[in-house]
Amino acid sequence: MNQKDFAPKGQEEGTYTVNSDCTGSMVINLSAPVPMGSTGVINIMFVISDGGRHIHEVVSEFTPPGSTTGPQPTQTSADDWKVASEKDH
């Protein structure tokens, strides 16, 4: 599979943790080139279900690039589904 990142190489970095109960969290550091303030951080909480075929995620905190006041209120969620057949792998 040939994929290209949507951000310039090395700009975004992050970590994630998956717990034994299929909940987890991740932090994405946007590393946006800004003259001052935060370079941007997204904190996400998620749950994995349906045998790993579905992930429901909620942005729990967002600090936009350039922010000098810290995290901003957000109401963002996403649902991700694996659509390929198990036989495809």
PDB file of N, CA and C in Angstrom:
ATOM      1  N   MET A   1       0.845  -1.179   0.000  1.00  0.00           N
ATOM      2  CA  MET A   1       0.000   0.000   0.000  1.00  0.00           C
ATOM      3  C   MET A   1       0.886   1.237   0.000  1.00  0.00           C
ATOM      4  N   ASN A   2       0.627   2.146  -0.879  1.00  0.00           N
ATOM      5  CA  ASN A   2       1.410   3.357  -0.998  1.00  0.00           C
ATOM      6  C   ASN A   2       0.607   4.516  -0.431  1.00  0.00           C
ATOM      7  N   GLN A   3       1.047   5.045   0.714  1.00  0.00           N
ATOM      8  CA  GLN A   3       0.326   6.137   1.354  1.00  0.00           C
ATOM      9  C   GLN A   3       1.243   7.325   1.519  1.00  0.00           C
ATOM     10  N   LYS A   4       0.672   8.506   1.426  1.00  0.00           N
ATOM     11  CA  LYS A   4       1.410   9.728   1.713  1.00  0.00           C
ATOM     12  C   LYS A   4       0.737  10.417   2.886  1.00  0.00           C
ATOM     13  N   ASP A   5       1.546  10.964   3.750  1.00  0.00           N
ATOM     14  CA  ASP A   5       1.036  11.692   4.900  1.00  0.00           C
ATOM     15  C   ASP A   5       0.465  13.022   4.418  1.00  0.00           C
ATOM     16  N   PHE A   6      -0.575  13.518   5.097  1.00  0.00           N
ATOM     17  CA  PHE A   6      -1.174  14.792   4.709  1.00  0.00           C
ATOM     18  C   PHE A   6      -0.407  15.973   5.270  1.00  0.00           C
ATOM     19  N   ALA A   7       0.532  15.723   6.168  1.00  0.00           N
ATOM     20  CA  ALA A   7       1.344  16.798   6.738  1.00  0.00           C
ATOM     21  C   ALA A   7       2.776  16.661   6.212  1.00  0.00           C
ATOM     22  N   PRO A   8       3.515  17.763   6.181  1.00  0.00           N
ATOM     23  CA  PRO A   8       4.914  17.664   5.774  1.00  0.00           C
ATOM     24  C   PRO A   8       5.660  16.657   6.643  1.00  0.00           C
ATOM     25  N   LYS A   9       6.595  15.936   6.043  1.00  0.00           N
ATOM     26  CA  LYS A   9       7.345  14.900   6.743  1.00  0.00           C
ATOM     27  C   LYS A   9       7.923  15.422   8.050  1.00  0.00           C
ATOM     28  N   GLY A  10       7.652  14.691   9.130  1.00  0.00           N
ATOM     29  CA  GLY A  10       8.176  15.037  10.438  1.00  0.00           C
ATOM     30  C   GLY A  10       7.409  16.110  11.174  1.00  0.00           C
ATOM     31  N   GLN A  11       6.365  16.657  10.570  1.00  0.00           N
ATOM     32  CA  GLN A  11       5.651  17.745  11.243  1.00  0.00           C
ATOM     33  C   GLN A  11       4.764  17.227  12.368  1.00  0.00           C
ATOM     34  N   GLU A  12       4.000  16.184  12.129  1.00  0.00           N
ATOM     35  CA  GLU A  12       3.122  15.650  13.169  1.00  0.00           C
ATOM     36  C   GLU A  12       3.750  14.418  13.801  1.00  0.00           C
ATOM     37  N   GLU A  13       3.626  14.348  15.121  1.00  0.00           N
ATOM     38  CA  GLU A  13       4.083  13.182  15.861  1.00  0.00           C
ATOM     39  C   GLU A  13       3.066  12.915  16.950  1.00  0.00           C
ATOM     40  N   GLY A  14       3.021  11.688  17.424  1.00  0.00           N
ATOM     41  CA  GLY A  14       2.080  11.396  18.486  1.00  0.00           C
ATOM     42  C   GLY A  14       2.323  10.056  19.126  1.00  0.00           C
ATOM     43  N   THR A  15       1.544   9.824  20.167  1.00  0.00           N
ATOM     44  CA  THR A  15       1.598   8.556  20.888  1.00  0.00           C
ATOM     45  C   THR A  15       0.174   8.101  21.156  1.00  0.00           C
ATOM     46  N   TYR A  16       0.009   6.792  21.378  1.00  0.00           N
ATOM     47  CA  TYR A  16      -1.304   6.278  21.745  1.00  0.00           C
ATOM     48  C   TYR A  16      -1.147   5.120  22.708  1.00  0.00           C
ATOM     49  N   THR A  17      -2.216   4.868  23.458  1.00  0.00           N
ATOM     50  CA  THR A  17      -2.276   3.770  24.414  1.00  0.00           C
ATOM     51  C   THR A  17      -3.613   3.074  24.234  1.00  0.00           C
ATOM     52  N   VAL A  18      -3.584   1.741  24.178  1.00  0.00           N
ATOM     53  CA  VAL A  18      -4.810   0.940  24.147  1.00  0.00           C
ATOM     54  C   VAL A  18      -4.831   0.099  25.411  1.00  0.00           C
ATOM     55  N   ASN A  19      -5.918   0.206  26.178  1.00  0.00           N
ATOM     56  CA  ASN A  19      -6.074  -0.536  27.430  1.00  0.00           C
ATOM     57  C   ASN A  19      -6.711  -1.904  27.172  1.00  0.00           C
ATOM     58  N   SER A  20      -6.625  -2.779  28.149  1.00  0.00           N
ATOM     59  CA  SER A  20      -7.162  -4.142  28.008  1.00  0.00           C
ATOM     60  C   SER A  20      -8.677  -4.161  27.815  1.00  0.00           C
ATOM     61  N   ASP A  21      -9.379  -3.090  28.210  1.00  0.00           N
ATOM     62  CA  ASP A  21     -10.839  -3.035  28.017  1.00  0.00           C
ATOM     63  C   ASP A  21     -11.222  -2.383  26.686  1.00  0.00           C
ATOM     64  N   CYS A  22     -10.253  -2.223  25.789  1.00  0.00           N
ATOM     65  CA  CYS A  22     -10.435  -1.661  24.436  1.00  0.00           C
ATOM     66  C   CYS A  22     -10.712  -0.163  24.421  1.00  0.00           C
ATOM     67  N   THR A  23     -10.465   0.528  25.514  1.00  0.00           N
ATOM     68  CA  THR A  23     -10.491   1.985  25.497  1.00  0.00           C
ATOM     69  C   THR A  23      -9.061   2.466  25.300  1.00  0.00           C
ATOM     70  N   GLY A  24      -8.919   3.705  24.921  1.00  0.00           N
ATOM     71  CA  GLY A  24      -7.572   4.213  24.743  1.00  0.00           C
ATOM     72  C   GLY A  24      -7.545   5.711  24.594  1.00  0.00           C
ATOM     73  N   SER A  25      -6.342   6.204  24.419  1.00  0.00           N
ATOM     74  CA  SER A  25      -6.158   7.644  24.230  1.00  0.00           C
ATOM     75  C   SER A  25      -4.957   7.869  23.324  1.00  0.00           C
ATOM     76  N   MET A  26      -4.951   9.026  22.694  1.00  0.00           N
ATOM     77  CA  MET A  26      -3.804   9.408  21.873  1.00  0.00           C
ATOM     78  C   MET A  26      -3.598  10.908  21.948  1.00  0.00           C
ATOM     79  N   VAL A  27      -2.369  11.297  21.711  1.00  0.00           N
ATOM     80  CA  VAL A  27      -1.989  12.706  21.667  1.00  0.00           C
ATOM     81  C   VAL A  27      -1.283  12.924  20.342  1.00  0.00           C
ATOM     82  N   ILE A  28      -1.742  13.911  19.579  1.00  0.00           N
ATOM     83  CA  ILE A  28      -1.103  14.268  18.319  1.00  0.00           C
ATOM     84  C   ILE A  28      -0.515  15.674  18.487  1.00  0.00           C
ATOM     85  N   ASN A  29       0.788  15.775  18.323  1.00  0.00           N
ATOM     86  CA  ASN A  29       1.471  17.061  18.367  1.00  0.00           C
ATOM     87  C   ASN A  29       1.590  17.553  16.931  1.00  0.00           C
ATOM     88  N   LEU A  30       0.909  18.648  16.617  1.00  0.00           N
ATOM     89  CA  LEU A  30       0.863  19.139  15.244  1.00  0.00           C
ATOM     90  C   LEU A  30       2.180  19.755  14.793  1.00  0.00           C
ATOM     91  N   SER A  31       2.946  20.297  15.727  1.00  0.00           N
ATOM     92  CA  SER A  31       4.248  20.903  15.421  1.00  0.00           C
ATOM     93  C   SER A  31       4.165  21.912  14.276  1.00  0.00           C
ATOM     94  N   ALA A  32       3.099  22.702  14.286  1.00  0.00           N
ATOM     95  CA  ALA A  32       2.907  23.720  13.244  1.00  0.00           C
ATOM     96  C   ALA A  32       3.925  24.840  13.428  1.00  0.00           C
ATOM     97  N   PRO A  33       4.484  25.316  12.329  1.00  0.00           N
ATOM     98  CA  PRO A  33       5.459  26.415  12.429  1.00  0.00           C
ATOM     99  C   PRO A  33       4.744  27.740  12.697  1.00  0.00           C
ATOM    100  N   VAL A  34       4.725  28.151  13.939  1.00  0.00           N
ATOM    101  CA  VAL A  34       4.078  29.413  14.320  1.00  0.00           C
ATOM    102  C   VAL A  34       5.110  30.288  15.040  1.00  0.00           C
ATOM    103  N   PRO A  35       4.953  31.614  14.954  1.00  0.00           N
ATOM    104  CA  PRO A  35       5.946  32.500  15.567  1.00  0.00           C
ATOM    105  C   PRO A  35       5.916  32.493  17.095  1.00  0.00           C
ATOM    106  N   MET A  36       4.744  32.202  17.671  1.00  0.00           N
ATOM    107  CA  MET A  36       4.646  32.146  19.140  1.00  0.00           C
ATOM    108  C   MET A  36       3.444  31.321  19.552  1.00  0.00           C
ATOM    109  N   GLY A  37       3.440  30.910  20.810  1.00  0.00           N
ATOM    110  CA  GLY A  37       2.321  30.125  21.329  1.00  0.00           C
ATOM    111  C   GLY A  37       2.486  28.643  21.046  1.00  0.00           C
ATOM    112  N   SER A  38       1.416  27.917  21.267  1.00  0.00           N
ATOM    113  CA  SER A  38       1.412  26.468  21.078  1.00  0.00           C
ATOM    114  C   SER A  38       1.639  26.103  19.621  1.00  0.00           C
ATOM    115  N   THR A  39       2.292  24.980  19.400  1.00  0.00           N
ATOM    116  CA  THR A  39       2.455  24.483  18.030  1.00  0.00           C
ATOM    117  C   THR A  39       1.296  23.563  17.653  1.00  0.00           C
ATOM    118  N   GLY A  40       0.329  23.399  18.568  1.00  0.00           N
ATOM    119  CA  GLY A  40      -0.882  22.631  18.301  1.00  0.00           C
ATOM    120  C   GLY A  40      -0.840  21.237  18.890  1.00  0.00           C
ATOM    121  N   VAL A  41      -1.879  20.900  19.649  1.00  0.00           N
ATOM    122  CA  VAL A  41      -1.987  19.578  20.281  1.00  0.00           C
ATOM    123  C   VAL A  41      -3.437  19.117  20.225  1.00  0.00           C
ATOM    124  N   ILE A  42      -3.638  17.857  19.841  1.00  0.00           N
ATOM    125  CA  ILE A  42      -4.966  17.245  19.854  1.00  0.00           C
ATOM    126  C   ILE A  42      -4.920  16.043  20.789  1.00  0.00           C
ATOM    127  N   ASN A  43      -5.796  16.022  21.792  1.00  0.00           N
ATOM    128  CA  ASN A  43      -5.946  14.881  22.693  1.00  0.00           C
ATOM    129  C   ASN A  43      -7.233  14.158  22.326  1.00  0.00           C
ATOM    130  N   ILE A  44      -7.138  12.857  22.129  1.00  0.00           N
ATOM    131  CA  ILE A  44      -8.277  12.050  21.677  1.00  0.00           C
ATOM    132  C   ILE A  44      -8.471  10.865  22.613  1.00  0.00           C
ATOM    133  N   MET A  45      -9.716  10.575  22.924  1.00  0.00           N
ATOM    134  CA  MET A  45     -10.086   9.361  23.656  1.00  0.00           C
ATOM    135  C   MET A  45     -10.868   8.485  22.689  1.00  0.00           C
ATOM    136  N   PHE A  46     -10.670   7.158  22.756  1.00  0.00           N
ATOM    137  CA  PHE A  46     -11.360   6.287  21.807  1.00  0.00           C
ATOM    138  C   PHE A  46     -11.735   4.959  22.432  1.00  0.00           C
ATOM    139  N   VAL A  47     -12.629   4.260  21.738  1.00  0.00           N
ATOM    140  CA  VAL A  47     -13.038   2.910  22.120  1.00  0.00           C
ATOM    141  C   VAL A  47     -13.027   2.057  20.862  1.00  0.00           C
ATOM    142  N   ILE A  48     -12.477   0.859  20.975  1.00  0.00           N
ATOM    143  CA  ILE A  48     -12.426  -0.080  19.862  1.00  0.00           C
ATOM    144  C   ILE A  48     -13.504  -1.126  20.091  1.00  0.00           C
ATOM    145  N   SER A  49     -14.297  -1.426  19.047  1.00  0.00           N
ATOM    146  CA  SER A  49     -15.377  -2.411  19.203  1.00  0.00           C
ATOM    147  C   SER A  49     -15.485  -3.281  17.958  1.00  0.00           C
ATOM    148  N   ASP A  50     -16.455  -4.174  17.981  1.00  0.00           N
ATOM    149  CA  ASP A  50     -16.753  -5.055  16.848  1.00  0.00           C
ATOM    150  C   ASP A  50     -15.512  -5.829  16.395  1.00  0.00           C
ATOM    151  N   GLY A  51     -14.803  -6.390  17.380  1.00  0.00           N
ATOM    152  CA  GLY A  51     -13.630  -7.192  17.062  1.00  0.00           C
ATOM    153  C   GLY A  51     -12.513  -6.417  16.402  1.00  0.00           C
ATOM    154  N   GLY A  52     -12.421  -5.126  16.679  1.00  0.00           N
ATOM    155  CA  GLY A  52     -11.378  -4.291  16.091  1.00  0.00           C
ATOM    156  C   GLY A  52     -11.765  -3.655  14.768  1.00  0.00           C
ATOM    157  N   ARG A  53     -12.999  -3.853  14.336  1.00  0.00           N
ATOM    158  CA  ARG A  53     -13.439  -3.299  13.049  1.00  0.00           C
ATOM    159  C   ARG A  53     -13.977  -1.868  13.170  1.00  0.00           C
ATOM    160  N   HIS A  54     -14.233  -1.398  14.396  1.00  0.00           N
ATOM    161  CA  HIS A  54     -14.829  -0.076  14.599  1.00  0.00           C
ATOM    162  C   HIS A  54     -14.069   0.675  15.687  1.00  0.00           C
ATOM    163  N   ILE A  55     -13.798   1.953  15.438  1.00  0.00           N
ATOM    164  CA  ILE A  55     -13.209   2.831  16.452  1.00  0.00           C
ATOM    165  C   ILE A  55     -14.079   4.076  16.535  1.00  0.00           C
ATOM    166  N   HIS A  56     -14.536   4.386  17.751  1.00  0.00           N
ATOM    167  CA  HIS A  56     -15.266   5.633  18.001  1.00  0.00           C
ATOM    168  C   HIS A  56     -14.303   6.529  18.762  1.00  0.00           C
ATOM    169  N   GLU A  57     -14.095   7.738  18.253  1.00  0.00           N
ATOM    170  CA  GLU A  57     -13.154   8.637  18.903  1.00  0.00           C
ATOM    171  C   GLU A  57     -13.773   9.997  19.170  1.00  0.00           C
ATOM    172  N   VAL A  58     -13.304  10.625  20.249  1.00  0.00           N
ATOM    173  CA  VAL A  58     -13.778  11.940  20.659  1.00  0.00           C
ATOM    174  C   VAL A  58     -12.557  12.804  20.963  1.00  0.00           C
ATOM    175  N   VAL A  59     -12.531  13.998  20.392  1.00  0.00           N
ATOM    176  CA  VAL A  59     -11.469  14.943  20.726  1.00  0.00           C
ATOM    177  C   VAL A  59     -11.783  15.491  22.105  1.00  0.00           C
ATOM    178  N   SER A  60     -10.929  15.170  23.069  1.00  0.00           N
ATOM    179  CA  SER A  60     -11.191  15.597  24.442  1.00  0.00           C
ATOM    180  C   SER A  60     -10.593  16.969  24.743  1.00  0.00           C
ATOM    181  N   GLU A  61      -9.598  17.358  23.958  1.00  0.00           N
ATOM    182  CA  GLU A  61      -8.966  18.652  24.177  1.00  0.00           C
ATOM    183  C   GLU A  61      -8.229  19.051  22.908  1.00  0.00           C
ATOM    184  N   PHE A  62      -8.317  20.325  22.538  1.00  0.00           N
ATOM    185  CA  PHE A  62      -7.643  20.824  21.347  1.00  0.00           C
ATOM    186  C   PHE A  62      -6.998  22.160  21.660  1.00  0.00           C
ATOM    187  N   THR A  63      -5.700  22.229  21.442  1.00  0.00           N
ATOM    188  CA  THR A  63      -4.982  23.493  21.558  1.00  0.00           C
ATOM    189  C   THR A  63      -4.519  23.868  20.157  1.00  0.00           C
ATOM    190  N   PRO A  64      -5.139  24.890  19.559  1.00  0.00           N
ATOM    191  CA  PRO A  64      -4.795  25.241  18.179  1.00  0.00           C
ATOM    192  C   PRO A  64      -3.393  25.832  18.064  1.00  0.00           C
ATOM    193  N   PRO A  65      -2.778  25.663  16.901  1.00  0.00           N
ATOM    194  CA  PRO A  65      -1.480  26.291  16.681  1.00  0.00           C
ATOM    195  C   PRO A  65      -1.567  27.801  16.893  1.00  0.00           C
ATOM    196  N   GLY A  66      -0.585  28.341  17.578  1.00  0.00           N
ATOM    197  CA  GLY A  66      -0.545  29.776  17.840  1.00  0.00           C
ATOM    198  C   GLY A  66      -1.272  30.198  19.107  1.00  0.00           C
ATOM    199  N   SER A  67      -1.981  29.271  19.753  1.00  0.00           N
ATOM    200  CA  SER A  67      -2.747  29.620  20.950  1.00  0.00           C
ATOM    201  C   SER A  67      -1.815  29.999  22.093  1.00  0.00           C
ATOM    202  N   THR A  68      -2.182  31.070  22.774  1.00  0.00           N
ATOM    203  CA  THR A  68      -1.459  31.467  23.978  1.00  0.00           C
ATOM    204  C   THR A  68      -2.350  31.331  25.207  1.00  0.00           C
ATOM    205  N   THR A  69      -3.586  30.835  24.985  1.00  0.00           N
ATOM    206  CA  THR A  69      -4.543  30.730  26.101  1.00  0.00           C
ATOM    207  C   THR A  69      -4.841  29.282  26.477  1.00  0.00           C
ATOM    208  N   GLY A  70      -4.229  28.317  25.812  1.00  0.00           N
ATOM    209  CA  GLY A  70      -4.435  26.916  26.170  1.00  0.00           C
ATOM    210  C   GLY A  70      -5.540  26.265  25.357  1.00  0.00           C
ATOM    211  N   PRO A  71      -6.015  25.117  25.847  1.00  0.00           N
ATOM    212  CA  PRO A  71      -7.027  24.343  25.112  1.00  0.00           C
ATOM    213  C   PRO A  71      -8.309  25.125  24.872  1.00  0.00           C
ATOM    214  N   GLN A  72      -8.950  24.835  23.736  1.00  0.00           N
ATOM    215  CA  GLN A  72     -10.211  25.466  23.350  1.00  0.00           C
ATOM    216  C   GLN A  72     -11.346  24.452  23.437  1.00  0.00           C
ATOM    217  N   PRO A  73     -12.567  24.895  23.711  1.00  0.00           N
ATOM    218  CA  PRO A  73     -13.702  23.971  23.720  1.00  0.00           C
ATOM    219  C   PRO A  73     -13.873  23.312  22.342  1.00  0.00           C
ATOM    220  N   THR A  74     -14.263  22.062  22.345  1.00  0.00           N
ATOM    221  CA  THR A  74     -14.467  21.362  21.081  1.00  0.00           C
ATOM    222  C   THR A  74     -15.585  20.338  21.221  1.00  0.00           C
ATOM    223  N   GLN A  75     -16.261  20.068  20.134  1.00  0.00           N
ATOM    224  CA  GLN A  75     -17.305  19.032  20.077  1.00  0.00           C
ATOM    225  C   GLN A  75     -17.079  18.223  18.815  1.00  0.00           C
ATOM    226  N   THR A  76     -15.995  17.466  18.800  1.00  0.00           N
ATOM    227  CA  THR A  76     -15.621  16.720  17.617  1.00  0.00           C
ATOM    228  C   THR A  76     -15.571  15.235  17.929  1.00  0.00           C
ATOM    229  N   SER A  77     -16.188  14.435  17.074  1.00  0.00           N
ATOM    230  CA  SER A  77     -16.097  12.982  17.215  1.00  0.00           C
ATOM    231  C   SER A  77     -16.010  12.366  15.828  1.00  0.00           C
ATOM    232  N   ALA A  78     -15.581  11.121  15.787  1.00  0.00           N
ATOM    233  CA  ALA A  78     -15.468  10.414  14.507  1.00  0.00           C
ATOM    234  C   ALA A  78     -15.712   8.931  14.744  1.00  0.00           C
ATOM    235  N   ASP A  79     -16.204   8.265  13.720  1.00  0.00           N
ATOM    236  CA  ASP A  79     -16.361   6.814  13.721  1.00  0.00           C
ATOM    237  C   ASP A  79     -15.610   6.262  12.532  1.00  0.00           C
ATOM    238  N   ASP A  80     -14.716   5.344  12.802  1.00  0.00           N
ATOM    239  CA  ASP A  80     -13.898   4.736  11.761  1.00  0.00           C
ATOM    240  C   ASP A  80     -14.259   3.254  11.665  1.00  0.00           C
ATOM    241  N   TRP A  81     -14.440   2.766  10.443  1.00  0.00           N
ATOM    242  CA  TRP A  81     -14.821   1.378  10.215  1.00  0.00           C
ATOM    243  C   TRP A  81     -13.838   0.712   9.264  1.00  0.00           C
ATOM    244  N   LYS A  82     -13.452  -0.502   9.560  1.00  0.00           N
ATOM    245  CA  LYS A  82     -12.673  -1.306   8.623  1.00  0.00           C
ATOM    246  C   LYS A  82     -13.658  -1.850   7.598  1.00  0.00           C
ATOM    247  N   VAL A  83     -13.424  -1.598   6.332  1.00  0.00           N
ATOM    248  CA  VAL A  83     -14.373  -2.014   5.305  1.00  0.00           C
ATOM    249  C   VAL A  83     -13.854  -3.180   4.455  1.00  0.00           C
ATOM    250  N   ALA A  84     -12.569  -3.497   4.558  1.00  0.00           N
ATOM    251  CA  ALA A  84     -12.020  -4.610   3.776  1.00  0.00           C
ATOM    252  C   ALA A  84     -12.404  -5.938   4.423  1.00  0.00           C
ATOM    253  N   SER A  85     -12.531  -6.936   3.610  1.00  0.00           N
ATOM    254  CA  SER A  85     -12.817  -8.283   4.080  1.00  0.00           C
ATOM    255  C   SER A  85     -11.589  -8.859   4.765  1.00  0.00           C
ATOM    256  N   GLU A  86     -11.796  -9.700   5.768  1.00  0.00           N
ATOM    257  CA  GLU A  86     -10.699 -10.398   6.419  1.00  0.00           C
ATOM    258  C   GLU A  86      -9.936 -11.252   5.405  1.00  0.00           C
ATOM    259  N   LYS A  87     -10.616 -11.698   4.356  1.00  0.00           N
ATOM    260  CA  LYS A  87      -9.991 -12.532   3.337  1.00  0.00           C
ATOM    261  C   LYS A  87      -9.011 -11.746   2.476  1.00  0.00           C
ATOM    262  N   ASP A  88      -9.107 -10.412   2.510  1.00  0.00           N
ATOM    263  CA  ASP A  88      -8.229  -9.567   1.703  1.00  0.00           C
ATOM    264  C   ASP A  88      -6.822  -9.490   2.265  1.00  0.00           C
ATOM    265  N   HIS A  89      -6.608 -10.015   3.461  1.00  0.00           N
ATOM    266  CA  HIS A  89      -5.287  -9.867   4.091  1.00  0.00           C
ATOM    267  C   HIS A  89      -4.633 -11.194   4.224  1.00  0.00           C
TER     268      HIS A  89
END
